[in-house]
């Protein structure tokens, strides 16, 4: 019953996050922080201290991935907190699968956006310029100069989390 409640909270959170991200370009702390806290509380109810540990580890794994991706790929703070909340709600094993599947969904989303906006050449040129800048020690925002701008990554996080749920992870 506790896992069902955590799943309902996660699905609700992801739905709200996608809508607000599409409308405003932001994922608000007032959404992600209470959901992460609810995940840890539900884990405590359902699994005691071991449950809290598992879900805290899921949140920590998402935090580690988010810190790495925020520097490398420009993952935003709201996206990071959304991933952390997914980990807190569903635990370590689910968080790992959700993050892996989120990466796949994010790549597919970017590919669709590039093709749909007919920005293949511009994206390739921008990507090479950013790689060369980063290799030269100059940190650049990957979206800077992009024909696409920022991608609403909450869509990929939701898709990856739903896929992990569908695959029974």
N, C-alpha and C. Protein backbone atom coordinates (compact mmCIF):
# COMPACT_ATOMS: atom_id res chain seq x y z
N UNK A 1 0.82 -1.19 0.00
CA UNK A 1 0.00 0.00 0.00
C UNK A 1 0.87 1.27 0.00
N UNK A 2 1.96 1.22 0.74
CA UNK A 2 2.86 2.37 0.81
C UNK A 2 3.52 2.63 -0.54
N UNK A 3 3.89 1.55 -1.24
CA UNK A 3 4.50 1.72 -2.56
C UNK A 3 3.51 2.32 -3.55
N UNK A 4 2.25 1.93 -3.43
CA UNK A 4 1.22 2.50 -4.30
C UNK A 4 1.07 4.00 -4.02
N UNK A 5 1.10 4.38 -2.76
CA UNK A 5 1.01 5.80 -2.40
C UNK A 5 2.21 6.57 -2.96
N UNK A 6 3.41 6.00 -2.84
CA UNK A 6 4.61 6.66 -3.36
C UNK A 6 4.52 6.80 -4.88
N UNK A 7 3.98 5.80 -5.55
CA UNK A 7 3.82 5.85 -7.00
C UNK A 7 2.82 6.93 -7.40
N UNK A 8 1.72 7.02 -6.66
CA UNK A 8 0.72 8.06 -6.95
C UNK A 8 1.31 9.45 -6.75
N UNK A 9 2.08 9.63 -5.67
CA UNK A 9 2.74 10.93 -5.44
C UNK A 9 3.71 11.23 -6.57
N UNK A 10 4.50 10.22 -6.98
CA UNK A 10 5.47 10.44 -8.05
C UNK A 10 4.78 10.82 -9.36
N UNK A 11 3.73 10.09 -9.72
CA UNK A 11 3.02 10.38 -10.97
C UNK A 11 2.38 11.77 -10.95
N UNK A 12 1.83 12.13 -9.81
CA UNK A 12 1.24 13.47 -9.66
C UNK A 12 2.31 14.55 -9.78
N UNK A 13 3.43 14.34 -9.09
CA UNK A 13 4.53 15.30 -9.12
C UNK A 13 5.06 15.46 -10.54
N UNK A 14 5.26 14.35 -11.24
CA UNK A 14 5.78 14.42 -12.61
C UNK A 14 4.81 15.15 -13.53
N UNK A 15 3.52 14.90 -13.36
CA UNK A 15 2.51 15.58 -14.19
C UNK A 15 2.56 17.09 -13.99
N UNK A 16 2.58 17.51 -12.74
CA UNK A 16 2.63 18.95 -12.44
C UNK A 16 3.94 19.54 -12.94
N UNK A 17 5.04 18.82 -12.76
CA UNK A 17 6.34 19.32 -13.19
C UNK A 17 6.40 19.54 -14.70
N UNK A 18 5.86 18.60 -15.46
CA UNK A 18 5.87 18.74 -16.92
C UNK A 18 5.05 19.95 -17.34
N UNK A 19 3.87 20.09 -16.76
CA UNK A 19 3.00 21.21 -17.13
C UNK A 19 3.67 22.54 -16.79
N UNK A 20 4.20 22.67 -15.58
CA UNK A 20 4.82 23.96 -15.20
C UNK A 20 6.11 24.21 -15.98
N UNK A 21 6.86 23.15 -16.28
CA UNK A 21 8.08 23.32 -17.05
C UNK A 21 7.75 23.80 -18.47
N UNK A 22 6.72 23.23 -19.06
CA UNK A 22 6.32 23.67 -20.40
C UNK A 22 5.78 25.09 -20.40
N UNK A 23 5.05 25.46 -19.37
CA UNK A 23 4.46 26.80 -19.32
C UNK A 23 5.44 27.88 -18.91
N UNK A 24 6.28 27.58 -17.92
CA UNK A 24 7.13 28.63 -17.35
C UNK A 24 8.63 28.37 -17.49
N UNK A 25 9.00 27.15 -17.87
CA UNK A 25 10.42 26.82 -17.94
C UNK A 25 11.03 26.54 -16.59
N UNK A 26 10.19 26.32 -15.58
CA UNK A 26 10.68 26.10 -14.21
C UNK A 26 9.99 24.90 -13.58
N UNK A 27 10.71 24.26 -12.65
CA UNK A 27 10.14 23.24 -11.78
C UNK A 27 10.36 23.76 -10.37
N UNK A 28 9.29 23.98 -9.66
CA UNK A 28 9.36 24.71 -8.39
C UNK A 28 9.72 23.82 -7.20
N UNK A 29 10.48 24.41 -6.27
CA UNK A 29 10.84 23.72 -5.03
C UNK A 29 9.60 23.34 -4.23
N UNK A 30 8.55 24.16 -4.29
CA UNK A 30 7.34 23.86 -3.52
C UNK A 30 6.66 22.59 -4.02
N UNK A 31 7.08 22.08 -5.17
CA UNK A 31 6.60 20.80 -5.66
C UNK A 31 7.56 19.67 -5.27
N UNK A 32 8.84 19.84 -5.57
CA UNK A 32 9.78 18.73 -5.42
C UNK A 32 10.18 18.45 -3.98
N UNK A 33 10.38 19.48 -3.19
CA UNK A 33 10.86 19.27 -1.81
C UNK A 33 9.83 18.52 -0.96
N UNK A 34 8.56 18.92 -0.95
CA UNK A 34 7.59 18.13 -0.17
C UNK A 34 7.42 16.70 -0.69
N UNK A 35 7.53 16.51 -1.99
CA UNK A 35 7.41 15.16 -2.54
C UNK A 35 8.58 14.29 -2.11
N UNK A 36 9.78 14.85 -2.10
CA UNK A 36 10.95 14.10 -1.62
C UNK A 36 10.79 13.75 -0.14
N UNK A 37 10.33 14.70 0.65
CA UNK A 37 10.09 14.43 2.08
C UNK A 37 9.02 13.36 2.26
N UNK A 38 7.97 13.43 1.45
CA UNK A 38 6.91 12.42 1.52
C UNK A 38 7.47 11.04 1.17
N UNK A 39 8.37 11.00 0.19
CA UNK A 39 8.99 9.73 -0.18
C UNK A 39 9.75 9.10 0.96
N UNK A 40 10.52 9.91 1.67
CA UNK A 40 11.28 9.39 2.81
C UNK A 40 10.35 8.98 3.95
N UNK A 41 9.31 9.76 4.17
CA UNK A 41 8.34 9.42 5.22
C UNK A 41 7.61 8.12 4.89
N UNK A 42 7.17 7.97 3.65
CA UNK A 42 6.49 6.74 3.24
C UNK A 42 7.43 5.54 3.33
N UNK A 43 8.70 5.76 2.99
CA UNK A 43 9.68 4.67 3.10
C UNK A 43 9.84 4.24 4.55
N UNK A 44 9.81 5.20 5.47
CA UNK A 44 9.90 4.87 6.89
C UNK A 44 8.70 4.09 7.37
N UNK A 45 7.52 4.47 6.91
CA UNK A 45 6.30 3.76 7.29
C UNK A 45 6.31 2.34 6.74
N UNK A 46 6.72 2.20 5.49
CA UNK A 46 6.67 0.89 4.84
C UNK A 46 7.84 -0.02 5.14
N UNK A 47 9.00 0.54 5.42
CA UNK A 47 10.19 -0.29 5.58
C UNK A 47 11.08 0.06 6.75
N UNK A 48 10.61 0.94 7.61
CA UNK A 48 11.42 1.31 8.77
C UNK A 48 12.69 2.03 8.37
N UNK A 49 13.70 1.88 9.21
CA UNK A 49 14.98 2.55 8.98
C UNK A 49 15.65 2.05 7.69
N UNK A 50 15.51 0.76 7.40
CA UNK A 50 16.09 0.22 6.17
C UNK A 50 15.42 0.85 4.94
N UNK A 51 14.12 1.04 5.02
CA UNK A 51 13.39 1.68 3.92
C UNK A 51 13.84 3.10 3.71
N UNK A 52 13.98 3.83 4.81
CA UNK A 52 14.46 5.22 4.71
C UNK A 52 15.86 5.24 4.11
N UNK A 53 16.70 4.32 4.53
CA UNK A 53 18.07 4.25 3.99
C UNK A 53 18.08 3.99 2.50
N UNK A 54 17.24 3.07 2.05
CA UNK A 54 17.16 2.75 0.62
C UNK A 54 16.69 3.96 -0.18
N UNK A 55 15.69 4.64 0.30
CA UNK A 55 15.15 5.79 -0.43
C UNK A 55 16.09 7.00 -0.34
N UNK A 56 16.77 7.16 0.80
CA UNK A 56 17.77 8.22 0.91
C UNK A 56 18.93 7.94 -0.05
N UNK A 57 19.29 6.68 -0.20
CA UNK A 57 20.34 6.30 -1.15
C UNK A 57 19.89 6.58 -2.59
N UNK A 58 18.60 6.35 -2.88
CA UNK A 58 18.05 6.69 -4.19
C UNK A 58 18.15 8.18 -4.47
N UNK A 59 17.82 8.98 -3.45
CA UNK A 59 17.92 10.44 -3.58
C UNK A 59 19.38 10.86 -3.74
N UNK A 60 20.28 10.22 -2.99
CA UNK A 60 21.71 10.56 -3.06
C UNK A 60 22.29 10.19 -4.43
N UNK A 61 21.88 9.05 -4.97
CA UNK A 61 22.36 8.66 -6.31
C UNK A 61 21.89 9.68 -7.35
N UNK A 62 20.65 10.12 -7.22
CA UNK A 62 20.13 11.13 -8.15
C UNK A 62 20.87 12.46 -7.96
N UNK A 63 21.18 12.80 -6.73
CA UNK A 63 21.94 14.03 -6.45
C UNK A 63 23.32 13.95 -7.09
N UNK A 64 23.98 12.82 -6.95
CA UNK A 64 25.32 12.66 -7.53
C UNK A 64 25.26 12.79 -9.06
N UNK A 65 24.29 12.13 -9.66
CA UNK A 65 24.13 12.21 -11.11
C UNK A 65 23.80 13.64 -11.54
N UNK A 66 22.93 14.29 -10.78
CA UNK A 66 22.52 15.65 -11.12
C UNK A 66 23.70 16.62 -11.00
N UNK A 67 24.52 16.46 -9.99
CA UNK A 67 25.70 17.33 -9.84
C UNK A 67 26.65 17.15 -11.01
N UNK A 68 26.83 15.91 -11.43
CA UNK A 68 27.71 15.65 -12.56
C UNK A 68 27.10 16.23 -13.85
N UNK A 69 25.80 16.02 -14.05
CA UNK A 69 25.16 16.48 -15.28
C UNK A 69 24.97 18.00 -15.31
N UNK A 70 24.85 18.62 -14.15
CA UNK A 70 24.69 20.08 -14.16
C UNK A 70 25.96 20.75 -14.68
N UNK A 71 27.10 20.15 -14.39
CA UNK A 71 28.36 20.69 -14.89
C UNK A 71 28.63 20.31 -16.33
N UNK A 72 28.29 19.10 -16.70
CA UNK A 72 28.61 18.61 -18.04
C UNK A 72 27.55 18.96 -19.08
N UNK A 73 26.29 18.80 -18.72
CA UNK A 73 25.23 18.91 -19.73
C UNK A 73 24.25 20.05 -19.46
N UNK A 74 24.48 20.82 -18.44
CA UNK A 74 23.61 21.96 -18.18
C UNK A 74 22.27 21.59 -17.58
N UNK A 75 22.20 20.47 -16.87
CA UNK A 75 20.96 20.08 -16.20
C UNK A 75 20.61 21.15 -15.17
N UNK A 76 19.37 21.64 -15.22
CA UNK A 76 18.94 22.71 -14.32
C UNK A 76 18.67 22.22 -12.91
N UNK A 77 18.60 23.16 -11.98
CA UNK A 77 18.36 22.84 -10.58
C UNK A 77 17.00 22.20 -10.35
N UNK A 78 15.98 22.67 -11.04
CA UNK A 78 14.65 22.09 -10.89
C UNK A 78 14.62 20.66 -11.39
N UNK A 79 15.29 20.41 -12.51
CA UNK A 79 15.38 19.05 -13.05
C UNK A 79 16.11 18.14 -12.05
N UNK A 80 17.18 18.66 -11.47
CA UNK A 80 17.94 17.88 -10.49
C UNK A 80 17.06 17.52 -9.29
N UNK A 81 16.33 18.50 -8.78
CA UNK A 81 15.47 18.23 -7.61
C UNK A 81 14.33 17.29 -7.97
N UNK A 82 13.87 17.33 -9.21
CA UNK A 82 12.84 16.39 -9.64
C UNK A 82 13.39 14.96 -9.64
N UNK A 83 14.60 14.77 -10.14
CA UNK A 83 15.24 13.45 -10.10
C UNK A 83 15.46 12.98 -8.67
N UNK A 84 15.89 13.90 -7.81
CA UNK A 84 16.12 13.56 -6.40
C UNK A 84 14.81 13.12 -5.74
N UNK A 85 13.73 13.82 -6.04
CA UNK A 85 12.43 13.45 -5.47
C UNK A 85 11.99 12.08 -5.97
N UNK A 86 12.24 11.76 -7.24
CA UNK A 86 11.92 10.43 -7.75
C UNK A 86 12.69 9.38 -6.96
N UNK A 87 13.97 9.62 -6.73
CA UNK A 87 14.78 8.68 -5.95
C UNK A 87 14.28 8.54 -4.53
N UNK A 88 13.88 9.64 -3.91
CA UNK A 88 13.36 9.59 -2.54
C UNK A 88 12.03 8.87 -2.47
N UNK A 89 11.22 9.00 -3.50
CA UNK A 89 9.91 8.36 -3.52
C UNK A 89 9.98 6.86 -3.81
N UNK A 90 10.90 6.46 -4.68
CA UNK A 90 10.87 5.08 -5.17
C UNK A 90 12.09 4.24 -4.80
N UNK A 91 13.12 4.82 -4.23
CA UNK A 91 14.26 4.04 -3.77
C UNK A 91 15.39 3.94 -4.77
N UNK A 92 16.46 3.30 -4.30
CA UNK A 92 17.73 3.26 -5.02
C UNK A 92 17.63 2.54 -6.37
N UNK A 93 17.15 1.32 -6.37
CA UNK A 93 17.09 0.52 -7.60
C UNK A 93 16.25 1.23 -8.66
N UNK A 94 15.09 1.72 -8.27
CA UNK A 94 14.22 2.43 -9.21
C UNK A 94 14.92 3.69 -9.72
N UNK A 95 15.57 4.42 -8.84
CA UNK A 95 16.24 5.67 -9.23
C UNK A 95 17.30 5.41 -10.30
N UNK A 96 18.08 4.34 -10.13
CA UNK A 96 19.11 4.03 -11.13
C UNK A 96 18.48 3.76 -12.50
N UNK A 97 17.44 2.95 -12.52
CA UNK A 97 16.77 2.65 -13.79
C UNK A 97 16.09 3.89 -14.37
N UNK A 98 15.45 4.66 -13.52
CA UNK A 98 14.78 5.87 -13.99
C UNK A 98 15.79 6.84 -14.61
N UNK A 99 16.96 6.98 -13.98
CA UNK A 99 17.97 7.89 -14.53
C UNK A 99 18.51 7.37 -15.87
N UNK A 100 18.75 6.08 -15.96
CA UNK A 100 19.23 5.50 -17.22
C UNK A 100 18.20 5.72 -18.33
N UNK A 101 16.95 5.41 -18.04
CA UNK A 101 15.89 5.56 -19.03
C UNK A 101 15.59 7.03 -19.32
N UNK A 102 15.81 7.91 -18.35
CA UNK A 102 15.68 9.35 -18.57
C UNK A 102 16.71 9.82 -19.58
N UNK A 103 17.93 9.31 -19.48
CA UNK A 103 18.97 9.66 -20.45
C UNK A 103 18.58 9.26 -21.86
N UNK A 104 18.03 8.06 -21.99
CA UNK A 104 17.57 7.59 -23.31
C UNK A 104 16.44 8.49 -23.82
N UNK A 105 15.48 8.77 -22.94
CA UNK A 105 14.35 9.62 -23.33
C UNK A 105 14.82 11.04 -23.67
N UNK A 106 15.79 11.55 -22.91
CA UNK A 106 16.32 12.89 -23.18
C UNK A 106 17.00 12.96 -24.53
N UNK A 107 17.75 11.93 -24.88
CA UNK A 107 18.38 11.89 -26.19
C UNK A 107 17.35 11.85 -27.31
N UNK A 108 16.32 11.04 -27.10
CA UNK A 108 15.25 10.95 -28.10
C UNK A 108 14.52 12.28 -28.23
N UNK A 109 14.24 12.92 -27.10
CA UNK A 109 13.56 14.22 -27.10
C UNK A 109 14.40 15.26 -27.85
N UNK A 110 15.69 15.30 -27.57
CA UNK A 110 16.55 16.25 -28.27
C UNK A 110 16.58 15.96 -29.77
N UNK A 111 16.67 14.69 -30.12
CA UNK A 111 16.68 14.33 -31.54
C UNK A 111 15.40 14.75 -32.25
N UNK A 112 14.27 14.52 -31.61
CA UNK A 112 12.99 14.93 -32.20
C UNK A 112 12.93 16.44 -32.37
N UNK A 113 13.38 17.17 -31.34
CA UNK A 113 13.34 18.63 -31.42
C UNK A 113 14.28 19.15 -32.51
N UNK A 114 15.44 18.55 -32.63
CA UNK A 114 16.40 18.97 -33.66
C UNK A 114 15.81 18.76 -35.06
N UNK A 115 15.23 17.61 -35.28
CA UNK A 115 14.66 17.30 -36.59
C UNK A 115 13.43 18.17 -36.85
N UNK A 116 12.57 18.29 -35.85
CA UNK A 116 11.33 19.05 -36.03
C UNK A 116 11.59 20.52 -36.34
N UNK A 117 12.62 21.06 -35.72
CA UNK A 117 12.94 22.48 -35.94
C UNK A 117 13.94 22.67 -37.07
N UNK A 118 14.26 21.59 -37.76
CA UNK A 118 15.19 21.62 -38.89
C UNK A 118 16.50 22.30 -38.51
N UNK A 119 17.05 21.83 -37.40
CA UNK A 119 18.25 22.47 -36.86
C UNK A 119 19.43 21.50 -36.78
N UNK A 120 19.48 20.52 -37.67
CA UNK A 120 20.54 19.52 -37.60
C UNK A 120 21.92 20.17 -37.80
N UNK A 121 22.05 20.96 -38.86
CA UNK A 121 23.36 21.58 -39.16
C UNK A 121 23.75 22.56 -38.05
N UNK A 122 22.83 23.42 -37.65
CA UNK A 122 23.12 24.41 -36.61
C UNK A 122 23.49 23.73 -35.30
N UNK A 123 22.81 22.64 -34.98
CA UNK A 123 23.10 21.91 -33.74
C UNK A 123 24.47 21.27 -33.81
N UNK A 124 24.81 20.68 -34.94
CA UNK A 124 26.12 20.05 -35.09
C UNK A 124 27.25 21.07 -34.97
N UNK A 125 27.09 22.22 -35.60
CA UNK A 125 28.11 23.28 -35.52
C UNK A 125 28.24 23.78 -34.08
N UNK A 126 27.10 24.01 -33.42
CA UNK A 126 27.12 24.48 -32.04
C UNK A 126 27.75 23.44 -31.11
N UNK A 127 27.45 22.17 -31.34
CA UNK A 127 28.00 21.12 -30.50
C UNK A 127 29.52 21.06 -30.62
N UNK A 128 30.03 21.14 -31.85
CA UNK A 128 31.48 21.12 -32.06
C UNK A 128 32.12 22.34 -31.39
N UNK A 129 31.51 23.51 -31.54
CA UNK A 129 32.05 24.73 -30.92
C UNK A 129 32.08 24.60 -29.40
N UNK A 130 31.04 24.04 -28.80
CA UNK A 130 31.01 23.86 -27.35
C UNK A 130 32.03 22.84 -26.88
N UNK A 131 32.19 21.75 -27.64
CA UNK A 131 33.18 20.74 -27.28
C UNK A 131 34.58 21.33 -27.32
N UNK A 132 34.88 22.09 -28.37
CA UNK A 132 36.20 22.71 -28.49
C UNK A 132 36.43 23.74 -27.38
N UNK A 133 35.40 24.51 -27.05
CA UNK A 133 35.53 25.50 -25.96
C UNK A 133 35.79 24.80 -24.64
N UNK A 134 35.02 23.74 -24.37
CA UNK A 134 35.20 23.00 -23.12
C UNK A 134 36.57 22.33 -23.07
N UNK A 135 37.03 21.79 -24.21
CA UNK A 135 38.35 21.17 -24.25
C UNK A 135 39.44 22.20 -24.01
N UNK A 136 39.20 23.44 -24.41
CA UNK A 136 40.17 24.52 -24.19
C UNK A 136 40.08 25.12 -22.79
N UNK A 137 39.23 24.56 -21.95
CA UNK A 137 39.12 25.04 -20.57
C UNK A 137 38.09 26.13 -20.36
N UNK A 138 37.35 26.48 -21.40
CA UNK A 138 36.32 27.51 -21.28
C UNK A 138 34.98 26.82 -21.08
N UNK A 139 34.36 27.03 -19.93
CA UNK A 139 33.06 26.41 -19.65
C UNK A 139 31.97 27.15 -20.43
N UNK A 140 31.14 26.39 -21.11
CA UNK A 140 30.05 27.00 -21.86
C UNK A 140 28.74 26.32 -21.49
N UNK A 141 27.68 27.07 -21.60
CA UNK A 141 26.34 26.52 -21.44
C UNK A 141 26.02 25.82 -22.76
N UNK A 142 25.69 24.53 -22.68
CA UNK A 142 25.45 23.78 -23.92
C UNK A 142 24.31 24.35 -24.74
N UNK A 143 23.36 25.03 -24.09
CA UNK A 143 22.23 25.60 -24.83
C UNK A 143 22.57 26.95 -25.45
N UNK A 144 23.69 27.55 -25.02
CA UNK A 144 24.06 28.85 -25.56
C UNK A 144 24.35 28.74 -27.04
N UNK A 145 23.72 29.56 -27.83
CA UNK A 145 23.90 29.55 -29.26
C UNK A 145 23.13 28.46 -29.98
N UNK A 146 22.39 27.68 -29.23
CA UNK A 146 21.64 26.59 -29.82
C UNK A 146 20.39 27.09 -30.52
N UNK A 147 20.07 26.45 -31.63
CA UNK A 147 18.83 26.77 -32.33
C UNK A 147 17.63 26.26 -31.54
N UNK A 148 17.88 25.35 -30.60
CA UNK A 148 16.79 24.77 -29.81
C UNK A 148 16.55 25.51 -28.51
N UNK A 149 17.58 26.12 -27.96
CA UNK A 149 17.46 26.71 -26.63
C UNK A 149 17.42 25.60 -25.58
N UNK A 150 16.82 25.89 -24.47
CA UNK A 150 16.73 24.90 -23.39
C UNK A 150 15.63 23.90 -23.71
N UNK A 151 15.88 22.66 -23.35
CA UNK A 151 14.90 21.60 -23.55
C UNK A 151 14.17 21.38 -22.23
N UNK A 152 12.83 21.31 -22.24
CA UNK A 152 12.09 21.03 -21.00
C UNK A 152 12.35 19.58 -20.57
N UNK A 153 13.41 19.40 -19.78
CA UNK A 153 13.90 18.05 -19.46
C UNK A 153 12.96 17.29 -18.53
N UNK A 154 11.98 17.99 -17.95
CA UNK A 154 11.01 17.28 -17.12
C UNK A 154 10.27 16.23 -17.94
N UNK A 155 10.14 16.46 -19.23
CA UNK A 155 9.49 15.49 -20.12
C UNK A 155 10.30 14.20 -20.15
N UNK A 156 11.60 14.32 -20.28
CA UNK A 156 12.47 13.14 -20.29
C UNK A 156 12.48 12.45 -18.94
N UNK A 157 12.49 13.22 -17.86
CA UNK A 157 12.47 12.63 -16.51
C UNK A 157 11.17 11.86 -16.30
N UNK A 158 10.06 12.46 -16.72
CA UNK A 158 8.77 11.77 -16.60
C UNK A 158 8.75 10.51 -17.45
N UNK A 159 9.23 10.60 -18.69
CA UNK A 159 9.24 9.44 -19.57
C UNK A 159 10.13 8.32 -19.03
N UNK A 160 11.31 8.69 -18.53
CA UNK A 160 12.22 7.69 -17.96
C UNK A 160 11.63 7.05 -16.71
N UNK A 161 11.00 7.84 -15.88
CA UNK A 161 10.38 7.30 -14.66
C UNK A 161 9.19 6.41 -14.99
N UNK A 162 8.38 6.82 -15.96
CA UNK A 162 7.25 5.99 -16.39
C UNK A 162 7.74 4.68 -17.01
N UNK A 163 8.81 4.75 -17.79
CA UNK A 163 9.36 3.53 -18.38
C UNK A 163 9.87 2.60 -17.29
N UNK A 164 10.57 3.13 -16.30
CA UNK A 164 11.05 2.30 -15.19
C UNK A 164 9.87 1.65 -14.45
N UNK A 165 8.82 2.41 -14.29
CA UNK A 165 7.61 1.89 -13.65
C UNK A 165 6.99 0.79 -14.51
N UNK A 166 6.88 1.03 -15.82
CA UNK A 166 6.30 0.05 -16.73
C UNK A 166 7.11 -1.24 -16.80
N UNK A 167 8.44 -1.12 -16.71
CA UNK A 167 9.31 -2.30 -16.76
C UNK A 167 9.40 -3.00 -15.41
N UNK A 168 8.72 -2.46 -14.40
CA UNK A 168 8.69 -3.10 -13.08
C UNK A 168 9.97 -2.94 -12.30
N UNK A 169 10.66 -1.87 -12.51
CA UNK A 169 11.91 -1.64 -11.82
C UNK A 169 11.63 -1.15 -10.43
